[in-house]
C-alpha atoms as a PDB file:
ATOM      1  CA  MET A   1       6.644   3.883  -4.436  1.00  0.00           C
ATOM      2  CA  ASN A   2       4.460   1.448  -2.552  1.00  0.00           C
ATOM      3  CA  LYS A   3       2.403  -0.911  -4.724  1.00  0.00           C
ATOM      4  CA  PHE A   4      -0.243  -1.116  -1.984  1.00  0.00           C
ATOM      5  CA  PRO A   5      -1.445   2.365  -0.947  1.00  0.00           C
ATOM      6  CA  GLY A   6      -2.903   3.115   2.486  1.00  0.00           C
ATOM      7  CA  ASN A   7      -1.840   2.541   6.054  1.00  0.00           C
ATOM      8  CA  LYS A   8      -0.036  -0.594   7.229  1.00  0.00           C
ATOM      9  CA  ALA A   9      -3.226  -2.489   8.025  1.00  0.00           C
ATOM     10  CA  GLN A  10      -4.758  -1.621   4.646  1.00  0.00           C
ATOM     11  CA  ARG A  11      -1.564  -2.625   2.796  1.00  0.00           C
ATOM     12  CA  ALA A  12      -1.361  -5.880   4.701  1.00  0.00           C
ATOM     13  CA  ALA A  13      -4.997  -6.658   3.989  1.00  0.00           C
ATOM     14  CA  ALA A  14      -4.392  -5.925   0.289  1.00  0.00           C
ATOM     15  CA  ILE A  15      -1.380  -8.240   0.203  1.00  0.00           C
ATOM     16  CA  VAL A  16      -3.182 -11.021   2.021  1.00  0.00           C
ATOM     17  CA  SER A  17      -6.153 -10.602  -0.304  1.00  0.00           C
ATOM     18  CA  ALA A  18      -3.867 -10.817  -3.317  1.00  0.00           C
ATOM     19  CA  ALA A  19      -2.156 -13.905  -1.910  1.00  0.00           C
ATOM     20  CA  VAL A  20      -5.475 -15.585  -1.258  1.00  0.00           C
ATOM     21  CA  LEU A  21      -6.735 -14.679  -4.708  1.00  0.00           C
ATOM     22  CA  ALA A  22      -3.518 -16.011  -6.221  1.00  0.00           C
ATOM     23  CA  ALA A  23      -4.204 -19.279  -4.475  1.00  0.00           C
ATOM     24  CA  GLY A  24      -7.711 -19.322  -5.943  1.00  0.00           C
ATOM     25  CA  LEU A  25      -9.413 -18.848  -2.600  1.00  0.00           C
ATOM     26  CA  MET A  26     -11.810 -16.378  -0.983  1.00  0.00           C
ATOM     27  CA  THR A  27     -10.716 -12.825  -0.282  1.00  0.00           C
ATOM     28  CA  THR A  28      -9.886 -11.813   3.237  1.00  0.00           C
ATOM     29  CA  THR A  29     -10.910  -8.876   5.358  1.00  0.00           C
ATOM     30  CA  VAL A  30      -8.366  -9.481   8.091  1.00  0.00           C
ATOM     31  CA  SER A  31      -6.195  -6.444   8.795  1.00  0.00           C
ATOM     32  CA  MET A  32      -2.582  -7.299   9.529  1.00  0.00           C
ATOM     33  CA  ALA A  33       0.577  -5.246   9.862  1.00  0.00           C
ATOM     34  CA  GLY A  34       3.273  -5.395   7.212  1.00  0.00           C
ATOM     35  CA  SER A  35       6.385  -3.663   5.938  1.00  0.00           C
ATOM     36  CA  ASN A  36       7.243  -2.207   2.543  1.00  0.00           C
ATOM     37  CA  ALA A  37      10.016  -4.757   1.982  1.00  0.00           C
ATOM     38  CA  PHE A  38       7.724  -7.602   2.975  1.00  0.00           C
ATOM     39  CA  ASP A  39       4.911  -6.168   0.815  1.00  0.00           C
ATOM     40  CA  ASN A  40       7.249  -6.114  -2.176  1.00  0.00           C
ATOM     41  CA  LYS A  41       8.516  -9.638  -1.528  1.00  0.00           C
ATOM     42  CA  MET A  42       4.965 -10.980  -1.188  1.00  0.00           C
ATOM     43  CA  SER A  43       4.021  -9.290  -4.479  1.00  0.00           C
ATOM     44  CA  SER A  44       6.906 -11.111  -6.139  1.00  0.00           C
ATOM     45  CA  VAL A  45       5.971 -14.428  -4.517  1.00  0.00           C
ATOM     46  CA  ILE A  46       2.333 -14.021  -5.568  1.00  0.00           C
ATOM     47  CA  ALA A  47       3.322 -13.314  -9.168  1.00  0.00           C
ATOM     48  CA  HIS A  48       5.551 -16.386  -9.189  1.00  0.00           C
ATOM     49  CA  VAL A  49       2.981 -18.828  -7.809  1.00  0.00           C
ATOM     50  CA  LYS A  50       0.254 -17.451 -10.074  1.00  0.00           C
ATOM     51  CA  ALA A  51       2.480 -18.210 -13.068  1.00  0.00           C
ATOM     52  CA  ASP A  52       3.512 -21.676 -11.840  1.00  0.00           C
ATOM     53  CA  PRO A  53       1.039 -24.323 -13.061  1.00  0.00           C
ATOM     54  CA  ASN A  54       2.691 -26.921 -10.796  1.00  0.00           C
ATOM     55  CA  TYR A  55       2.230 -24.945  -7.573  1.00  0.00           C
ATOM     56  CA  LYS A  56      -0.278 -26.667  -5.256  1.00  0.00           C
ATOM     57  CA  SER A  57      -2.397 -23.933  -3.646  1.00  0.00           C
ATOM     58  CA  ILE A  58      -2.567 -24.032   0.134  1.00  0.00           C
ATOM     59  CA  PRO A  59      -6.234 -24.068   1.243  1.00  0.00           C
ATOM     60  CA  LEU A  60      -6.421 -20.917   3.352  1.00  0.00           C
ATOM     61  CA  ALA A  61     -10.155 -21.273   3.950  1.00  0.00           C
ATOM     62  CA  SER A  62     -10.604 -19.362   7.211  1.00  0.00           C
ATOM     63  CA  SER A  63      -9.464 -16.002   8.483  1.00  0.00           C
ATOM     64  CA  SER A  64      -7.439 -17.768  11.175  1.00  0.00           C
ATOM     65  CA  ASP A  65      -5.681 -19.851   8.483  1.00  0.00           C
ATOM     66  CA  ARG A  66      -4.866 -16.690   6.533  1.00  0.00           C
ATOM     67  CA  ALA A  67      -3.639 -14.877   9.648  1.00  0.00           C
ATOM     68  CA  TRP A  68      -1.457 -17.845  10.576  1.00  0.00           C
ATOM     69  CA  PHE A  69      -0.059 -18.041   7.026  1.00  0.00           C
ATOM     70  CA  PHE A  70       0.710 -14.319   6.879  1.00  0.00           C
ATOM     71  CA  ASP A  71       2.435 -14.406  10.279  1.00  0.00           C
ATOM     72  CA  GLU A  72       4.551 -17.416   9.280  1.00  0.00           C
ATOM     73  CA  CYS A  73       5.568 -15.816   5.979  1.00  0.00           C
ATOM     74  CA  GLU A  74       6.525 -12.581   7.679  1.00  0.00           C
ATOM     75  CA  ALA A  75       8.455 -14.436  10.414  1.00  0.00           C
ATOM     76  CA  LEU A  76      10.453 -16.292   7.761  1.00  0.00           C
ATOM     77  CA  PHE A  77      11.042 -13.146   5.729  1.00  0.00           C
ATOM     78  CA  LYS A  78      12.285 -11.294   8.829  1.00  0.00           C
ATOM     79  CA  LYS A  79      14.476 -14.285   9.782  1.00  0.00           C
ATOM     80  CA  LYS A  80      12.624 -14.885  13.045  1.00  0.00           C
ATOM     81  CA  ILE A  81      12.261 -18.546  12.039  1.00  0.00           C
ATOM     82  CA  SER A  82      14.320 -20.778   9.763  1.00  0.00           C
ATOM     83  CA  LYS A  83      13.223 -22.211   6.419  1.00  0.00           C
ATOM     84  CA  GLU A  84      13.144 -25.623   8.058  1.00  0.00           C
ATOM     85  CA  GLN A  85      10.857 -24.371  10.841  1.00  0.00           C
ATOM     86  CA  TYR A  86       8.598 -22.619   8.315  1.00  0.00           C
ATOM     87  CA  VAL A  87       8.215 -25.797   6.245  1.00  0.00           C
ATOM     88  CA  ALA A  88       7.700 -27.976   9.338  1.00  0.00           C
ATOM     89  CA  ASP A  89       5.052 -25.587  10.716  1.00  0.00           C
ATOM     90  CA  GLY A  90       3.349 -25.460   7.335  1.00  0.00           C
ATOM     91  CA  ALA A  91       3.335 -29.242   6.887  1.00  0.00           C
ATOM     92  CA  LYS A  92       1.898 -29.634  10.383  1.00  0.00           C
ATOM     93  CA  GLN A  93      -0.851 -27.058   9.779  1.00  0.00           C
ATOM     94  CA  PHE A  94      -1.567 -28.247   6.203  1.00  0.00           C
ATOM     95  CA  PRO A  95      -0.566 -31.903   5.747  1.00  0.00           C
ATOM     96  CA  GLY A  96       0.210 -32.746   2.133  1.00  0.00           C
ATOM     97  CA  TYR A  97       1.409 -29.240   1.256  1.00  0.00           C
ATOM     98  CA  GLU A  98       5.081 -29.563   2.230  1.00  0.00           C
ATOM     99  CA  ALA A  99       6.227 -28.968  -1.368  1.00  0.00           C
ATOM    100  CA  SER A 100       4.210 -25.737  -1.498  1.00  0.00           C
ATOM    101  CA  PHE A 101       5.795 -24.507   1.740  1.00  0.00           C
ATOM    102  CA  ASN A 102       9.246 -25.469   0.454  1.00  0.00           C
ATOM    103  CA  GLU A 103       8.679 -23.429  -2.688  1.00  0.00           C
ATOM    104  CA  LEU A 104       7.345 -20.471  -0.717  1.00  0.00           C
ATOM    105  CA  ALA A 105      10.291 -20.689   1.694  1.00  0.00           C
ATOM    106  CA  ASP A 106      12.735 -20.533  -1.208  1.00  0.00           C
ATOM    107  CA  LEU A 107      10.898 -17.566  -2.730  1.00  0.00           C
ATOM    108  CA  LEU A 108      10.558 -15.671   0.550  1.00  0.00           C
ATOM    109  CA  THR A 109      14.251 -16.028   1.386  1.00  0.00           C
ATOM    110  CA  ALA A 110      15.666 -15.385  -2.098  1.00  0.00           C
ATOM    111  CA  SER A 111      17.634 -12.160  -2.490  1.00  0.00           C
END
């Protein structure tokens, strides 16, 4: 059973909203495509970072930041990019948040 009901765009928007809320940021209205496996993995990642008091939240302040973040996470999850590329891209986009991207990379690629 899917934890996020609705079509792909609605599920993706729900996941992105949850991720943004977990980071303590504004909600998003951006509709993005997703998959059930990716939805489930993101739910797990969100739960983990919400429970981790040492996790430094990435400031996803704009819809373009959130879209970029979602696309990078999905690319890593689907093995279209490596963990190293994900972390490098993240550190370039958000200097000072390399540790956060490292943690997310480990969570997104864990079995």
